[in-house]
Amino acid sequence: MAERVLSTVSSIPSGHVMTYGDVAEAAGTGARAVGQVLRNSGHHVPWWRVVDARGRPVEGAAQEALEQFLEESTPLLHRGDDVRVDLARASWPTHDVGRT
């Protein structure tokens, strides 16, 4: 299961994201399991490309994720201090997993 999650996350192209739920669907597991795999084994994959359903990066690493988003020209939404990914423009569909 961890290998499927990591493979799915690795397939998300630069400038795009998937939600935890999208990764879970593509990997055939639950969204909480995706978070656990990324927390324990996801340091060598583009973990910042996995966001919550509101487009926010993992709590505690938002600044590092934001730097990656800016470097990759990921579409963002700015509302005051609240910065999140524009899911309408940046989401990578689960049916495209593996097609980078």
Protein backbone atom coordinates (compact mmCIF):
# COMPACT_ATOMS: atom_id res chain seq x y z
CA MET A 1 0.00 0.00 0.00
CA ALA A 2 2.79 2.46 0.87
CA GLU A 3 4.46 1.76 -2.46
CA ARG A 4 1.22 2.58 -4.33
CA VAL A 5 0.82 5.85 -2.42
CA LEU A 6 4.42 6.89 -3.06
CA SER A 7 4.15 5.92 -6.72
CA THR A 8 0.95 7.94 -7.10
CA VAL A 9 2.48 11.02 -5.45
CA SER A 10 5.60 10.68 -7.61
CA SER A 11 3.45 10.75 -10.73
CA ILE A 12 1.89 14.17 -10.00
CA PRO A 13 3.57 16.61 -12.39
CA SER A 14 5.15 19.87 -11.36
CA GLY A 15 2.60 22.67 -10.99
CA HIS A 16 -0.22 20.26 -10.16
CA VAL A 17 -1.63 18.71 -6.99
CA MET A 18 -3.91 15.96 -5.81
CA THR A 19 -5.93 15.93 -2.61
CA TYR A 20 -5.39 13.25 0.01
CA GLY A 21 -8.69 11.75 -1.11
CA ASP A 22 -7.60 11.70 -4.76
CA VAL A 23 -4.34 9.96 -3.88
CA ALA A 24 -6.24 7.48 -1.72
CA GLU A 25 -8.63 6.69 -4.58
CA ALA A 26 -5.80 6.23 -7.07
CA ALA A 27 -3.77 4.08 -4.65
CA GLY A 28 -6.72 2.05 -3.40
CA THR A 29 -6.44 3.05 0.24
CA GLY A 30 -7.85 5.58 2.72
CA ALA A 31 -6.97 9.27 2.98
CA ARG A 32 -5.60 8.87 6.51
CA ALA A 33 -3.28 6.14 5.28
CA VAL A 34 -1.97 8.55 2.63
CA GLY A 35 -1.07 11.03 5.35
CA GLN A 36 0.68 8.35 7.40
CA VAL A 37 2.69 7.11 4.44
CA LEU A 38 3.79 10.63 3.52
CA ARG A 39 4.66 11.45 7.12
CA ASN A 40 6.72 8.28 7.56
CA SER A 41 8.16 7.63 4.10
CA GLY A 42 7.33 10.55 1.84
CA HIS A 43 10.44 12.67 2.15
CA HIS A 44 11.84 11.52 -1.21
CA VAL A 45 8.65 12.23 -3.19
CA PRO A 46 7.01 15.62 -3.95
CA TRP A 47 4.84 15.51 -0.80
CA TRP A 48 3.88 19.20 -1.18
CA ARG A 49 1.79 18.23 -4.22
CA VAL A 50 -0.70 16.53 -1.88
CA VAL A 51 -3.09 18.99 -0.28
CA ASP A 52 -6.30 18.86 1.71
CA ALA A 53 -9.73 19.29 0.14
CA ARG A 54 -9.44 23.08 0.54
CA GLY A 55 -6.09 23.25 -1.25
CA ARG A 56 -3.99 23.69 1.87
CA PRO A 57 -0.66 21.91 2.33
CA VAL A 58 0.18 19.71 5.28
CA GLU A 59 0.08 21.56 8.58
CA GLY A 60 3.51 22.41 9.91
CA ALA A 61 5.17 22.54 6.49
CA ALA A 62 3.10 25.23 4.80
CA GLN A 63 6.02 27.61 4.23
CA GLU A 64 8.19 24.92 2.66
CA ALA A 65 5.26 23.82 0.48
CA LEU A 66 4.55 27.42 -0.55
CA GLU A 67 8.16 27.83 -1.69
CA GLN A 68 7.78 24.69 -3.83
CA PHE A 69 4.45 25.91 -5.25
CA LEU A 70 6.01 29.22 -6.25
CA GLU A 71 9.02 27.49 -7.81
CA GLU A 72 6.73 25.18 -9.81
CA SER A 73 4.27 27.98 -10.77
CA THR A 74 1.41 26.12 -9.12
CA PRO A 75 -1.79 28.22 -9.37
CA LEU A 76 -2.55 29.75 -5.97
CA LEU A 77 -5.40 31.64 -4.33
CA HIS A 78 -4.56 34.47 -1.93
CA ARG A 79 -7.08 35.67 0.65
CA GLY A 80 -5.18 37.82 3.10
CA ASP A 81 -2.75 35.55 4.91
CA ASP A 82 -4.60 32.46 3.69
CA VAL A 83 -2.74 31.03 0.71
CA ARG A 84 -3.88 27.81 -0.86
CA VAL A 85 -3.69 25.98 -4.15
CA ASP A 86 -6.31 26.83 -6.76
CA LEU A 87 -7.75 23.32 -7.08
CA ALA A 88 -9.87 24.26 -10.10
CA ARG A 89 -6.69 24.98 -12.07
CA ALA A 90 -4.06 22.78 -10.43
CA SER A 91 -5.78 19.46 -9.73
CA TRP A 92 -4.27 16.44 -11.45
CA PRO A 93 -7.09 14.02 -12.22
CA THR A 94 -6.83 10.51 -10.82
CA HIS A 95 -7.34 9.03 -14.30
CA ASP A 96 -4.11 10.75 -15.39
CA VAL A 97 -2.01 9.20 -12.61
CA GLY A 98 1.07 7.71 -14.19
CA ARG A 99 0.82 9.86 -17.36
CA THR A 100 3.45 12.53 -16.79
